[in-house]
Protein backbone atom coordinates (compact mmCIF):
# COMPACT_ATOMS: atom_id res chain seq x y z
CA MET A 1 3.18 -10.64 3.60
CA ILE A 2 0.23 -8.11 4.65
CA GLU A 3 1.20 -6.52 1.51
CA VAL A 4 -0.93 -8.47 -0.44
CA LEU A 5 -4.00 -6.92 0.33
CA THR A 6 -2.58 -3.58 -1.79
CA VAL A 7 -2.64 -5.65 -5.09
CA ILE A 8 -5.63 -7.86 -4.91
CA PRO A 9 -8.89 -7.10 -6.18
CA HIS A 10 -10.94 -4.73 -3.86
CA ASP A 11 -14.01 -6.89 -3.28
CA GLU A 12 -11.35 -9.91 -2.18
CA ILE A 13 -9.66 -7.96 0.69
CA THR A 14 -12.09 -8.75 3.64
CA THR A 15 -12.48 -12.48 2.23
CA ILE A 16 -10.20 -14.42 0.41
CA GLY A 17 -6.95 -11.71 1.25
CA PHE A 18 -7.76 -12.06 4.60
CA GLN A 19 -8.06 -15.88 4.73
CA PHE A 20 -5.16 -16.05 2.95
CA LEU A 21 -3.31 -14.35 5.34
CA ARG A 22 -4.71 -16.44 7.96
CA SER A 23 -3.74 -19.49 5.99
CA LYS A 24 0.05 -18.39 6.32
CA LEU A 25 0.54 -17.04 9.81
CA ARG A 26 -0.04 -20.82 11.34
CA LEU A 27 -0.64 -18.79 14.88
CA ASN A 28 -1.35 -20.79 17.89
CA GLU A 29 -5.27 -20.78 19.14
CA GLU A 30 -4.03 -17.68 21.80
CA ASP A 31 -2.63 -15.51 18.88
CA LYS A 32 -6.19 -15.95 17.09
CA PRO A 33 -8.22 -13.36 18.56
CA LYS A 34 -5.40 -11.09 17.75
CA LEU A 35 -5.91 -11.68 14.93
CA ASP A 36 -8.94 -11.53 14.41
CA SER A 37 -8.76 -8.02 16.38
CA PHE A 38 -6.34 -6.84 14.26
CA PHE A 39 -8.71 -7.88 11.04
CA ALA A 40 -11.58 -6.35 12.62
CA TYR A 41 -9.40 -2.82 13.13
CA PHE A 42 -8.30 -3.24 9.29
CA GLU A 43 -11.75 -3.08 7.65
CA LYS A 44 -12.73 -0.47 9.83
CA THR A 45 -10.32 1.52 9.30
CA TRP A 46 -8.86 0.90 6.07
CA MET A 47 -12.20 -0.27 4.32
CA GLY A 48 -14.37 1.93 6.52
CA LYS A 49 -12.91 5.35 6.71
CA PHE A 50 -10.53 4.92 3.54
CA ARG A 51 -11.66 4.08 -0.24
CA ALA A 52 -9.53 0.82 -1.10
CA ASP A 53 -8.44 2.80 -4.39
CA ASP A 54 -6.51 5.43 -1.84
CA TRP A 55 -4.09 2.71 -0.95
CA ASN A 56 -4.84 -0.19 -3.09
CA ILE A 57 -3.44 -0.33 -6.52
CA HIS A 58 -5.36 -3.17 -8.15
CA ARG A 59 -7.17 -0.90 -10.71
CA ILE A 60 -3.83 0.47 -11.73
CA LEU A 61 -2.52 -3.33 -12.07
CA HIS A 62 -5.55 -4.39 -14.13
CA ASN A 63 -5.32 -1.07 -16.84
CA GLU A 64 -1.91 -1.62 -16.99
CA GLU A 65 -1.30 2.16 -15.75
CA GLN A 66 1.46 4.03 -15.04
CA LEU A 67 2.51 5.15 -12.42
CA ALA A 68 5.08 7.25 -10.73
CA ASN A 69 6.03 6.84 -7.10
CA ARG A 70 4.39 4.15 -4.74
CA THR A 71 5.65 5.90 -1.83
CA ASN A 72 5.84 9.22 0.01
CA ASN A 73 9.35 9.42 -0.25
CA PRO A 74 8.86 12.74 -1.92
CA LEU A 75 6.89 14.12 1.22
CA GLU A 76 9.16 12.74 3.66
CA HIS A 77 12.18 14.62 1.36
CA TYR A 78 10.18 18.17 1.68
CA ASN A 79 9.14 17.34 5.71
CA ARG A 80 12.70 16.91 6.10
CA HIS A 81 13.78 19.98 4.05
CA PHE A 82 11.43 21.92 5.81
CA ASN A 83 11.78 20.96 9.21
CA SER A 84 15.51 22.07 8.55
CA LEU A 85 14.03 25.42 8.07
CA PHE A 86 13.73 25.72 12.27
CA THR A 87 16.02 25.97 15.07
CA ASN A 88 13.59 23.86 17.49
CA ALA A 89 11.12 20.99 17.23
CA HIS A 90 8.33 23.80 18.19
CA PRO A 91 8.55 27.09 16.69
CA ASN A 92 6.44 30.16 17.76
CA LEU A 93 3.81 31.08 15.36
CA LYS A 94 6.03 34.04 14.15
CA ASP A 95 9.09 31.75 12.76
CA PHE A 96 6.63 29.30 11.78
CA VAL A 97 4.86 31.91 9.53
CA PHE A 98 8.08 33.68 8.51
CA ASN A 99 9.85 30.54 7.65
CA LEU A 100 6.67 29.06 5.45
CA ARG A 101 6.41 32.52 3.32
CA ALA A 102 9.77 32.36 2.83
CA ASP A 103 9.80 28.46 1.47
CA ALA A 104 6.58 29.13 -0.40
CA GLU A 105 8.13 31.91 -2.02
CA ARG A 106 11.00 30.05 -2.58
CA GLN A 107 9.39 27.14 -4.45
CA PHE A 108 7.21 29.44 -6.95
CA GLN A 109 10.39 31.16 -7.71
CA GLU A 110 11.75 27.57 -8.61
CA TYR A 111 8.80 26.54 -10.01
CA GLN A 112 8.83 29.60 -12.66
CA ASN A 113 12.33 29.68 -13.63
CA CYS A 114 11.44 25.78 -14.33
CA GLN A 115 8.59 27.15 -16.23
CA SER A 116 10.77 30.08 -18.16
CA GLY A 117 13.08 27.68 -19.13
CA VAL A 118 15.95 28.98 -16.74
CA SER A 119 16.59 26.07 -14.43
CA ARG A 120 15.22 22.22 -15.10
CA ALA A 121 12.91 20.46 -13.31
CA PRO A 122 14.67 17.79 -10.72
CA PRO A 123 15.03 14.56 -12.23
CA HIS A 124 12.42 11.75 -10.70
CA SER A 125 12.13 8.20 -10.74
CA GLY A 126 10.65 7.34 -14.30
CA LEU A 127 7.37 5.61 -14.55
CA THR A 128 6.45 2.00 -13.45
CA THR A 129 3.60 -0.43 -15.15
CA PHE A 130 2.17 -2.23 -12.95
CA ASP A 131 0.30 -5.65 -14.69
CA VAL A 132 -1.04 -8.51 -12.52
CA SER A 133 1.95 -10.09 -12.24
CA TRP A 134 2.51 -8.45 -9.05
CA ILE A 135 -0.39 -10.45 -7.72
CA PRO A 136 1.91 -13.28 -5.92
CA ALA A 137 1.62 -16.64 -7.29
CA GLU A 138 1.18 -18.17 -3.54
CA TYR A 139 -2.02 -15.49 -3.16
CA LEU A 140 -3.06 -17.16 -7.16
CA ASP A 141 -2.45 -20.70 -5.93
CA PHE A 142 -4.90 -20.16 -3.30
CA LYS A 143 -7.38 -18.32 -5.08
CA ARG A 144 -7.79 -21.67 -7.23
CA LEU A 145 -7.60 -23.59 -4.55
CA LEU A 146 -10.81 -21.71 -3.54
CA GLU A 147 -12.70 -22.06 -6.33
CA GLN A 148 -12.47 -26.11 -6.73
CA PRO A 149 -15.72 -27.87 -6.14
CA ASN A 150 -16.54 -28.11 -2.38
CA ILE A 151 -14.14 -25.85 -0.13
CA SER A 152 -15.14 -23.51 1.68
CA LEU A 153 -12.71 -20.35 3.09
CA SER A 154 -12.29 -22.44 6.83
CA GLN A 155 -12.10 -25.70 5.13
CA SER A 156 -9.46 -24.15 2.99
CA VAL A 157 -7.19 -22.64 5.82
CA ALA A 158 -7.43 -25.65 7.78
CA SER A 159 -6.05 -27.53 4.67
CA THR A 160 -4.22 -25.05 3.18
CA GLU A 161 -0.31 -26.50 3.28
CA THR A 162 -1.69 -29.58 2.13
CA SER A 163 -3.76 -28.49 -0.47
CA MET A 164 -1.49 -26.14 -2.03
CA SER A 165 1.65 -29.00 -2.30
CA SER A 166 -1.13 -31.21 -3.85
CA LEU A 167 -1.86 -28.22 -6.65
CA LEU A 168 1.43 -27.45 -7.15
CA VAL A 169 2.61 -30.86 -7.84
CA SER A 170 -0.74 -31.68 -10.44
């Protein structure tokens, strides 16, 4: 559910996005401060220390750009490979530098072989075109509800279930 924050417009993340999540969670009174604390952390860390463009793909959705990878699987693969070069989790500096240099040379040789046509690059997943259909319909319904006259964010959270069901019926 929190993944909705990765696809909505940047200026909606801490307003409509947070309210949408709050409405979906249906927390009891003692858990609400925990959610507020999480939202404060999220805003300070993911909105303050990082640019939303670094983790939110709405710009890509809006421009219908293509993206090769949305995960860090290639990095995880390389980390697993690199860790396999060592016999223990904390190698001494000499072993670390030796293995790092040897792997860099191997990677460079592999790159040169691909460039010269001796070998082919490993297959990668195809490009994916994203579009606004990636934004969940539930979020869009919630946003439409907020755009109705005389409805505020605080009112919408209290009455989301009733209002959304009547919005969907009409």
